[in-house]
Protein backbone atom coordinates (compact mmCIF):
# COMPACT_ATOMS: atom_id res chain seq x y z
CA MET A 1 -100.11 162.97 149.37
CA PRO A 2 -96.75 164.62 148.46
CA THR A 3 -95.97 165.29 144.82
CA PHE A 4 -93.26 163.36 142.98
CA ALA A 5 -91.03 166.45 143.08
CA GLN A 6 -91.50 166.79 146.85
CA ILE A 7 -90.55 163.15 147.35
CA LEU A 8 -87.33 163.71 145.41
CA GLU A 9 -86.64 166.93 147.28
CA ASN A 10 -87.33 165.58 150.75
CA LYS A 11 -85.71 162.17 150.34
CA GLN A 12 -83.28 161.93 153.21
CA ILE A 13 -79.70 161.07 152.27
CA MET A 14 -78.26 159.93 155.55
CA GLY A 15 -74.60 160.18 154.65
CA ASN A 16 -74.06 157.29 157.07
CA LEU A 17 -71.70 154.41 156.52
CA VAL A 18 -72.42 150.83 157.59
CA ALA A 19 -69.62 148.24 157.54
CA ILE A 20 -70.01 144.46 157.47
CA VAL A 21 -67.28 142.68 159.43
CA GLY A 22 -66.69 139.07 160.36
CA ARG A 23 -64.50 136.08 159.65
CA PRO A 24 -64.41 134.51 156.17
CA ASN A 25 -67.28 132.40 154.83
CA VAL A 26 -70.01 133.76 157.09
CA GLY A 27 -71.90 135.29 154.15
CA LYS A 28 -70.72 138.93 154.15
CA SER A 29 -70.79 139.29 150.37
CA THR A 30 -74.14 137.51 150.11
CA LEU A 31 -75.62 139.92 152.65
CA PHE A 32 -74.08 142.86 150.81
CA ASN A 33 -75.65 141.75 147.53
CA ARG A 34 -79.01 141.20 149.24
CA LEU A 35 -79.12 144.64 150.90
CA THR A 36 -77.84 146.61 147.90
CA GLU A 37 -79.97 144.57 145.46
CA SER A 38 -76.99 144.16 143.18
CA ARG A 39 -74.15 141.80 142.42
CA GLN A 40 -71.50 144.37 141.72
CA ALA A 41 -68.07 143.44 143.06
CA ILE A 42 -65.17 145.77 142.35
CA VAL A 43 -61.87 143.94 141.99
CA ASP A 44 -58.45 145.52 142.34
CA ASP A 45 -55.05 143.82 142.13
CA THR A 46 -52.67 144.98 144.83
CA ALA A 47 -49.16 143.60 145.38
CA GLY A 48 -50.04 140.25 143.83
CA THR A 49 -53.03 139.63 146.07
CA THR A 50 -56.56 139.68 144.66
CA ARG A 51 -58.92 141.50 146.95
CA ASP A 52 -62.63 142.13 146.47
CA ARG A 53 -63.93 145.42 147.78
CA GLN A 54 -67.65 145.94 147.56
CA TYR A 55 -69.53 149.10 148.37
CA GLY A 56 -72.93 150.36 147.38
CA LYS A 57 -76.06 152.26 148.34
CA VAL A 58 -78.93 150.80 150.35
CA GLU A 59 -82.39 152.36 150.24
CA TRP A 60 -84.93 151.47 152.92
CA GLY A 61 -87.83 153.33 154.49
CA GLY A 62 -87.21 156.45 152.42
CA GLN A 63 -83.60 156.71 153.63
CA GLU A 64 -80.27 155.85 152.04
CA PHE A 65 -76.95 154.80 153.49
CA SER A 66 -73.69 153.37 152.18
CA LEU A 67 -72.75 149.76 152.84
CA VAL A 68 -69.19 148.44 152.76
CA ASP A 69 -68.21 144.79 152.70
CA THR A 70 -64.79 144.17 154.21
CA GLY A 71 -64.09 141.61 151.51
CA GLY A 72 -61.80 138.63 151.35
CA TRP A 73 -58.18 137.97 150.46
CA VAL A 74 -55.68 135.17 149.94
CA VAL A 75 -53.55 134.42 152.99
CA ASN A 76 -50.72 132.08 153.81
CA SER A 77 -51.16 131.37 157.48
CA ASP A 78 -53.62 131.64 160.34
CA ASP A 79 -51.55 134.38 161.96
CA VAL A 80 -51.69 136.59 158.86
CA PHE A 81 -55.37 135.79 158.51
CA GLU A 82 -56.22 137.00 162.00
CA SER A 83 -54.00 140.06 161.57
CA GLU A 84 -55.78 141.10 158.35
CA ILE A 85 -59.23 140.69 159.94
CA ASN A 86 -58.12 142.91 162.83
CA LYS A 87 -56.91 145.57 160.39
CA GLN A 88 -60.24 145.74 158.62
CA VAL A 89 -62.24 145.77 161.85
CA SER A 90 -60.04 148.64 163.09
CA ILE A 91 -60.80 150.71 159.99
CA ALA A 92 -64.51 149.92 160.20
CA LEU A 93 -64.58 150.94 163.86
CA GLU A 94 -62.99 154.29 163.05
CA GLU A 95 -64.90 155.24 159.92
CA ALA A 96 -68.34 153.56 160.02
CA GLU A 97 -71.38 154.81 161.94
CA VAL A 98 -72.80 151.30 162.44
CA ILE A 99 -71.06 147.89 162.43
CA LEU A 100 -72.77 144.69 161.30
CA PHE A 101 -70.90 141.79 162.95
CA LEU A 102 -71.78 138.69 160.95
CA VAL A 103 -71.53 135.20 162.45
CA ASP A 104 -72.50 131.79 161.07
CA VAL A 105 -75.19 129.91 163.02
CA MET A 106 -74.45 126.70 161.08
CA ASN A 107 -70.81 126.56 162.19
CA GLY A 108 -71.34 128.13 165.60
CA LEU A 109 -68.98 130.21 167.70
CA THR A 110 -65.26 130.23 166.79
CA ASP A 111 -62.09 131.72 168.24
CA LEU A 112 -61.95 134.25 165.37
CA ASP A 113 -65.48 135.38 166.26
CA MET A 114 -64.39 135.88 169.86
CA GLY A 115 -61.36 137.91 168.75
CA VAL A 116 -63.45 140.27 166.61
CA ALA A 117 -66.04 140.60 169.39
CA ASN A 118 -63.32 141.65 171.87
CA MET A 119 -62.41 144.57 169.59
CA LEU A 120 -66.05 145.53 169.02
CA ARG A 121 -66.91 145.53 172.74
CA ARG A 122 -64.19 148.09 173.43
CA SER A 123 -65.52 150.49 170.80
CA LYS A 124 -68.23 153.07 171.28
CA LYS A 125 -69.79 152.41 167.88
CA PRO A 126 -73.24 150.77 167.59
CA VAL A 127 -72.73 147.08 166.81
CA ILE A 128 -75.48 144.80 165.51
CA LEU A 129 -74.79 141.08 165.96
CA VAL A 130 -76.18 139.28 162.91
CA SER A 131 -76.60 135.50 163.00
CA ASN A 132 -76.57 134.43 159.36
CA LYS A 133 -77.64 131.18 157.64
CA ALA A 134 -80.62 130.81 159.99
CA ASP A 135 -82.70 129.30 157.20
CA ASN A 136 -85.32 127.75 159.50
CA PHE A 137 -86.70 128.28 163.01
CA ASN A 138 -84.80 125.31 164.44
CA LEU A 139 -81.55 127.10 163.63
CA HIS A 140 -82.78 130.20 165.46
CA TYR A 141 -82.40 128.34 168.76
CA GLN A 142 -78.75 127.57 167.95
CA ALA A 143 -78.05 131.32 167.79
CA ALA A 144 -78.32 131.44 171.60
CA GLU A 145 -74.62 130.53 171.90
CA PHE A 146 -73.70 133.94 170.41
CA TYR A 147 -74.87 135.64 173.60
CA ALA A 148 -71.41 134.63 174.87
CA LEU A 149 -69.95 137.37 172.65
CA GLY A 150 -71.45 140.03 174.94
CA LEU A 151 -72.92 142.08 172.09
CA GLY A 152 -76.61 141.72 172.87
CA ASP A 153 -79.35 139.85 171.04
CA PRO A 154 -78.35 138.19 167.77
CA VAL A 155 -80.55 139.13 164.78
CA ASN A 156 -81.36 135.94 162.91
CA ILE A 157 -81.33 136.25 159.13
CA SER A 158 -80.73 134.25 155.99
CA ALA A 159 -78.80 136.38 153.51
CA ILE A 160 -79.29 133.83 150.76
CA ASN A 161 -83.12 133.84 150.85
CA GLY A 162 -83.66 137.24 152.47
CA SER A 163 -85.56 136.19 155.57
CA GLY A 164 -85.06 138.59 158.48
CA THR A 165 -83.27 141.23 156.39
CA GLY A 166 -86.21 143.66 156.56
CA ASP A 167 -86.11 143.63 160.36
CA LEU A 168 -82.33 144.06 160.19
CA LEU A 169 -82.69 147.16 157.98
CA ASP A 170 -85.27 148.63 160.35
CA LEU A 171 -82.83 148.14 163.22
CA ILE A 172 -79.94 149.73 161.28
CA LEU A 173 -81.96 152.92 160.71
CA THR A 174 -82.60 153.27 164.45
CA LYS A 175 -78.83 153.27 165.12
CA PHE A 176 -78.00 156.35 163.04
CA THR A 177 -77.28 159.42 165.12
CA LYS A 178 -76.07 161.88 162.48
CA LYS A 179 -78.29 164.95 162.48
CA ALA A 180 -78.77 167.75 160.00
CA GLU A 181 -77.10 170.20 162.35
CA ASP A 182 -73.83 168.32 161.90
CA GLU A 183 -73.68 169.78 158.37
CA PRO A 184 -72.21 173.22 157.65
CA LEU A 185 -74.82 175.93 158.19
CA GLU A 186 -73.93 178.09 155.21
CA GLU A 187 -75.27 177.15 151.80
CA ILE A 188 -72.03 177.35 149.87
CA PRO A 189 -70.55 174.74 147.49
CA ARG A 190 -68.85 171.68 148.96
CA ILE A 191 -66.04 170.37 146.78
CA ALA A 192 -64.41 166.99 147.49
CA ILE A 193 -60.88 166.17 146.39
CA VAL A 194 -60.93 162.41 145.74
CA GLY A 195 -58.65 159.87 144.11
CA ARG A 196 -56.56 156.81 144.71
CA PRO A 197 -53.65 156.87 147.19
CA ASN A 198 -50.69 159.03 146.15
CA ALA A 199 -52.55 160.82 143.33
CA GLY A 200 -51.60 164.10 145.02
CA LYS A 201 -54.75 164.99 146.98
CA SER A 202 -52.96 166.29 150.08
CA SER A 203 -50.40 168.19 147.99
CA PHE A 204 -53.25 169.78 146.06
CA VAL A 205 -55.03 170.93 149.23
CA ASN A 206 -51.77 172.21 150.71
CA ALA A 207 -51.08 174.21 147.52
CA LEU A 208 -54.57 175.73 147.64
CA MET A 209 -54.39 176.66 151.31
CA ASP A 210 -50.76 177.76 150.94
CA GLU A 211 -49.89 175.90 154.13
CA GLU A 212 -48.94 172.40 155.24
CA ARG A 213 -52.45 171.67 156.48
CA ASN A 214 -52.14 167.98 155.58
CA ILE A 215 -48.95 166.07 156.18
CA VAL A 216 -48.02 164.42 152.89
CA THR A 217 -46.97 160.77 153.14
CA ASP A 218 -47.24 157.61 151.07
CA ILE A 219 -49.38 155.94 153.75
CA ALA A 220 -53.03 156.50 154.64
CA GLY A 221 -53.40 157.52 158.29
CA THR A 222 -55.86 157.06 161.08
CA THR A 223 -56.30 160.42 162.81
CA ARG A 224 -58.23 162.91 160.72
CA ASP A 225 -59.02 166.57 160.82
CA SER A 226 -62.52 167.94 160.35
CA ILE A 227 -63.75 166.96 156.91
CA TYR A 228 -64.59 170.60 156.07
CA THR A 229 -62.01 173.26 155.23
CA ARG A 230 -63.28 176.76 154.39
CA PHE A 231 -61.65 178.24 151.27
CA ASP A 232 -62.41 181.94 150.77
CA LYS A 233 -59.62 183.31 148.59
CA PHE A 234 -59.47 184.89 145.12
CA GLY A 235 -63.16 185.74 145.09
CA MET A 236 -64.21 182.13 145.78
CA ASP A 237 -65.98 180.82 148.86
CA PHE A 238 -66.71 177.14 149.48
CA TYR A 239 -65.90 174.15 151.66
CA LEU A 240 -63.14 171.75 150.65
CA VAL A 241 -64.18 168.22 151.64
CA ASP A 242 -60.78 166.59 151.98
CA THR A 243 -60.24 162.85 151.80
CA ALA A 244 -56.75 163.00 153.26
CA GLY A 245 -56.87 164.45 156.79
CA ILE A 246 -53.91 164.68 159.13
CA ARG A 247 -51.59 161.67 159.18
CA LYS A 248 -49.85 160.30 162.25
CA LYS A 249 -47.26 157.99 160.81
CA GLY A 250 -46.69 155.89 163.93
CA LYS A 251 -50.34 154.80 164.16
CA VAL A 252 -50.75 153.65 160.56
CA ILE A 253 -51.52 149.93 160.24
CA GLU A 254 -54.44 149.83 157.78
CA ASP A 255 -54.95 148.34 154.38
CA LEU A 256 -54.40 151.27 151.98
CA GLU A 257 -56.90 150.38 149.29
CA TYR A 258 -59.75 149.65 151.67
CA TYR A 259 -59.01 152.78 153.66
CA SER A 260 -59.07 154.96 150.54
CA VAL A 261 -62.42 153.51 149.48
CA ILE A 262 -64.06 154.00 152.86
CA ARG A 263 -62.74 157.56 153.15
CA SER A 264 -63.80 158.39 149.59
CA ILE A 265 -67.37 157.28 150.31
CA LYS A 266 -67.63 159.70 153.23
CA ALA A 267 -66.09 162.61 151.33
CA ILE A 268 -68.22 162.08 148.22
CA GLU A 269 -71.44 161.87 150.22
CA ASN A 270 -70.63 165.16 151.96
CA SER A 271 -69.94 167.05 148.73
CA ASP A 272 -71.74 168.75 145.85
CA VAL A 273 -68.93 168.46 143.30
CA CYS A 274 -66.04 165.97 143.22
CA VAL A 275 -62.60 166.67 141.79
CA LEU A 276 -61.28 163.25 140.73
CA MET A 277 -57.48 163.36 140.86
CA ILE A 278 -55.68 161.14 138.33
CA ASP A 279 -51.93 160.61 138.36
CA ALA A 280 -50.57 161.78 134.98
CA THR A 281 -47.62 159.38 135.25
CA LYS A 282 -49.89 156.32 135.59
CA GLY A 283 -53.03 157.20 133.64
CA ILE A 284 -56.52 156.08 134.59
CA GLU A 285 -56.53 152.83 136.59
CA SER A 286 -59.11 150.50 138.12
CA GLN A 287 -59.20 152.34 141.44
CA ASP A 288 -60.01 155.58 139.59
CA MET A 289 -62.92 153.72 137.98
CA ASN A 290 -64.09 152.55 141.39
CA ILE A 291 -64.13 156.08 142.79
CA PHE A 292 -65.82 157.38 139.64
CA SER A 293 -68.58 154.80 140.13
CA LEU A 294 -69.08 156.13 143.68
CA ILE A 295 -69.44 159.67 142.32
CA GLN A 296 -72.01 158.41 139.81
CA LYS A 297 -74.00 156.45 142.40
CA ASN A 298 -74.20 159.50 144.62
CA ARG A 299 -75.21 161.78 141.71
CA LYS A 300 -72.44 164.32 142.32
CA GLY A 301 -70.88 166.83 139.94
CA LEU A 302 -67.53 165.86 138.42
CA VAL A 303 -64.29 167.57 137.37
CA VAL A 304 -61.38 165.32 136.34
CA CYS A 305 -57.98 166.75 137.28
CA VAL A 306 -54.89 165.10 135.76
CA ASN A 307 -52.31 165.92 138.43
CA LYS A 308 -48.49 165.76 138.26
CA TRP A 309 -48.58 167.21 134.74
CA ASP A 310 -45.15 168.76 135.44
CA LEU A 311 -43.65 165.24 135.33
CA VAL A 312 -44.86 164.59 131.76
CA GLU A 313 -42.20 165.50 129.20
CA ASN A 314 -44.31 165.57 126.02
CA LYS A 315 -47.05 168.17 126.48
CA GLU A 316 -48.05 168.56 122.83
CA GLN A 317 -51.72 169.07 121.99
CA ILE A 318 -52.02 165.64 120.39
CA VAL A 319 -50.83 164.01 123.65
CA ILE A 320 -53.35 166.00 125.67
CA LYS A 321 -56.15 165.05 123.28
CA THR A 322 -55.18 161.37 123.41
CA PHE A 323 -55.14 161.47 127.22
CA GLU A 324 -58.56 163.14 127.31
CA ASN A 325 -60.06 160.61 124.88
CA ALA A 326 -58.68 157.70 126.94
CA ILE A 327 -60.30 159.07 130.11
CA ARG A 328 -63.68 159.64 128.44
CA GLU A 329 -63.64 156.15 126.89
CA ARG A 330 -62.97 154.53 130.25
CA LEU A 331 -65.69 156.55 132.01
CA ALA A 332 -68.33 156.14 129.26
CA PRO A 333 -71.30 156.43 128.90
CA PHE A 334 -70.95 159.58 131.06
CA THR A 335 -68.48 161.64 129.04
CA ASP A 336 -69.75 165.22 129.45
CA PHE A 337 -67.39 166.54 132.11
CA PRO A 338 -64.41 168.96 132.14
CA ILE A 339 -60.85 167.62 132.20
CA ILE A 340 -57.95 169.81 133.29
CA PHE A 341 -54.20 169.13 133.44
CA ALA A 342 -52.56 170.60 136.55
CA SER A 343 -49.67 170.30 138.98
CA ALA A 344 -50.00 170.67 142.73
CA VAL A 345 -46.20 171.00 143.06
CA THR A 346 -45.81 173.93 140.63
CA LYS A 347 -49.35 175.21 141.35
CA GLN A 348 -50.03 175.16 137.61
CA ARG A 349 -53.78 175.63 136.91
CA ILE A 350 -54.86 174.64 140.46
CA LEU A 351 -57.15 177.67 140.72
CA LYS A 352 -58.64 176.78 137.33
CA VAL A 353 -59.64 173.43 138.85
CA LEU A 354 -61.67 175.26 141.49
CA GLU A 355 -63.19 177.61 138.93
CA LEU A 356 -64.39 174.61 136.91
CA ALA A 357 -65.78 172.95 140.04
CA LYS A 358 -67.69 176.13 140.86
CA GLU A 359 -69.11 176.22 137.31
CA VAL A 360 -70.25 172.59 137.62
CA TYR A 361 -71.93 173.45 140.93
CA GLY A 362 -73.81 176.23 139.18
CA ARG A 363 -74.94 173.88 136.40
CA ARG A 364 -76.45 171.53 138.98
CA LYS A 365 -78.96 174.30 139.66
CA THR A 366 -79.79 174.89 135.98
CA LYS A 367 -83.49 175.53 135.35
CA ILE A 368 -84.76 175.22 131.76
CA PRO A 369 -88.18 176.72 130.97
CA THR A 370 -90.81 174.15 130.03
CA HIS A 371 -91.68 175.88 126.75
CA LYS A 372 -88.01 175.79 125.69
CA LEU A 373 -87.71 172.07 126.45
CA ASN A 374 -90.76 171.25 124.35
CA GLU A 375 -89.85 173.66 121.58
CA VAL A 376 -86.36 172.17 121.15
CA LEU A 377 -86.79 168.49 122.04
CA LEU A 378 -90.20 167.51 120.63
CA PRO A 379 -89.13 168.00 116.98
CA ILE A 380 -85.97 165.94 117.64
CA ILE A 381 -88.06 163.18 119.24
CA GLU A 382 -90.50 163.27 116.31
CA ARG A 383 -87.64 162.70 113.88
CA THR A 384 -86.16 159.90 116.05
CA PRO A 385 -89.03 158.39 118.05
CA PRO A 386 -88.64 155.51 120.55
CA PRO A 387 -88.56 152.08 118.87
CA ALA A 388 -91.98 150.47 118.49
CA ASN A 389 -92.61 147.45 120.71
CA LYS A 390 -94.91 144.58 119.68
CA GLY A 391 -96.54 146.80 117.08
CA LYS A 392 -97.29 149.57 119.58
CA TYR A 393 -95.96 153.05 118.88
CA ILE A 394 -94.68 155.24 121.70
CA LYS A 395 -95.44 158.94 121.53
CA ILE A 396 -93.76 161.42 123.86
CA LYS A 397 -96.17 164.33 124.25
CA TYR A 398 -94.76 166.68 126.85
CA ILE A 399 -91.52 167.47 128.72
CA THR A 400 -90.89 169.40 131.93
CA GLN A 401 -88.15 169.85 134.51
CA LEU A 402 -88.93 169.06 138.13
CA PRO A 403 -88.23 171.88 140.61
CA HIS A 404 -86.19 171.62 143.82
CA THR A 405 -84.10 168.55 142.90
CA GLN A 406 -80.44 167.90 143.69
CA VAL A 407 -79.53 167.54 140.01
CA PRO A 408 -81.46 168.59 136.87
CA THR A 409 -84.36 166.13 136.56
CA PHE A 410 -86.52 165.95 133.44
CA VAL A 411 -89.85 164.17 133.10
CA PHE A 412 -91.00 162.91 129.69
CA PHE A 413 -94.71 162.15 129.53
CA CYS A 414 -95.78 159.49 127.04
CA ASN A 415 -98.45 156.88 126.37
CA LEU A 416 -96.38 153.71 127.07
CA PRO A 417 -93.55 154.58 129.51
CA GLN A 418 -92.77 150.93 130.28
CA TRP A 419 -91.47 150.36 126.74
CA ILE A 420 -88.83 153.11 126.80
CA LYS A 421 -85.51 151.43 127.61
CA ASP A 422 -82.14 152.73 128.83
CA PRO A 423 -80.56 153.27 125.37
CA TYR A 424 -83.32 155.70 124.41
CA LYS A 425 -83.06 157.43 127.79
CA ARG A 426 -79.37 157.99 127.03
CA PHE A 427 -80.38 159.38 123.64
CA LEU A 428 -82.71 161.86 125.36
CA GLU A 429 -80.01 162.82 127.86
CA ASN A 430 -77.51 163.43 125.05
CA ARG A 431 -79.97 165.66 123.17
CA ILE A 432 -80.48 167.73 126.33
CA ARG A 433 -76.71 168.07 126.73
CA ASP A 434 -76.37 169.03 123.04
CA ASN A 435 -78.67 172.01 123.54
CA TRP A 436 -77.86 173.15 127.08
CA ASP A 437 -74.53 173.34 128.92
CA LEU A 438 -74.75 170.74 131.68
CA SER A 439 -71.11 169.65 131.56
CA GLY A 440 -69.98 167.91 134.72
CA THR A 441 -73.39 167.43 136.31
CA PRO A 442 -75.45 164.24 136.18
CA ILE A 443 -79.05 164.54 135.05
CA ASN A 444 -82.06 162.35 135.73
CA ILE A 445 -84.45 161.19 133.00
CA ILE A 446 -87.87 160.05 134.21
CA ILE A 447 -90.48 158.54 131.88
CA ARG A 448 -94.08 158.81 133.11
CA GLU A 449 -97.52 158.16 131.73
CA LYS A 450 -99.45 161.30 130.84
């Protein structure tokens, strides 16, 4: 049987993206919540229209993949409605590895279903036809009408009670084709430049490469360059994982916010450290929080870069400190990360951004000797032990760091691990950060019985 450390080391992160598409009210969000085992919906207000964008991680059979729900929106007419569905299906077809096409067995086949199916049939992406709301076996027979869509056998599920979703997940895993050899061969850092639209990502990459590698426009595009760009200047050597790509203005028809989310997921998953670009003229906004949550879910290193600093008139130290405090408050409880103020236009401090990212990458590989951990932390824990529960006292006896993990992972052995809750785990994490420099990298705290 493999050890716990080996399980963590060998756990396969697929880096694949699965998109749920379909007309409104077929149960896309319910299926999303079922598969991700959460009810997190990220809401962003854009041009007066409320749109829900949901994305999360799914773990099944020892593998992980990202799931994106194409969400809903308020519309004024059937024509606009159909147009918006087509936009989202187009993006999903371009960016996702597998498409889940959700239909409603209770309401049967509709014209909108046929329209989406026509687009899906022309694509070369794997499509799984999912017949939702099949709450009993009698409804399974009604799913036969969906054979008319020409997308193969419908998979009958009930997102609301979970029946059939295990078989669906098994089928999804068989559709992934991404292999390890698709990744860069050299073991050098991979740094992703992420952020909301128009935060200056493309300008930043252009300034670094000293060439117009990415055409800078206000609109997210469809045709993209290879996600990896080798940067080997000024004594540094790593891959830039760019979220921008090359834009072809004439082909742009997508929804900007959804496109930026789906592209950010792919870039973050393919990176070791993320540089989160924030627009200095706007401050930290909800979309920045959304992307930050993606970085956290994927356990990546973080550097926050406040771009367009040349446009800020008052650059006094008190303004900088206020800006930094506002960012850390919004991103709490994770506040131990570097923040740098830069300008892609004037090239002010752009190399310092990369230096910080490289330092964070190095901290992800930090190894702390077991005797040091116990020598420093056990006295602190003795002075501030975990709260007693139902008259039972918890005693942490031993601490060690697991080897060969993606981020520093510490195991605390104690007599009653089930009674140690998240607030005390955060306390332990903070004490580790107080004594060792792990700025910018997430760490894992595991409580186990000795």
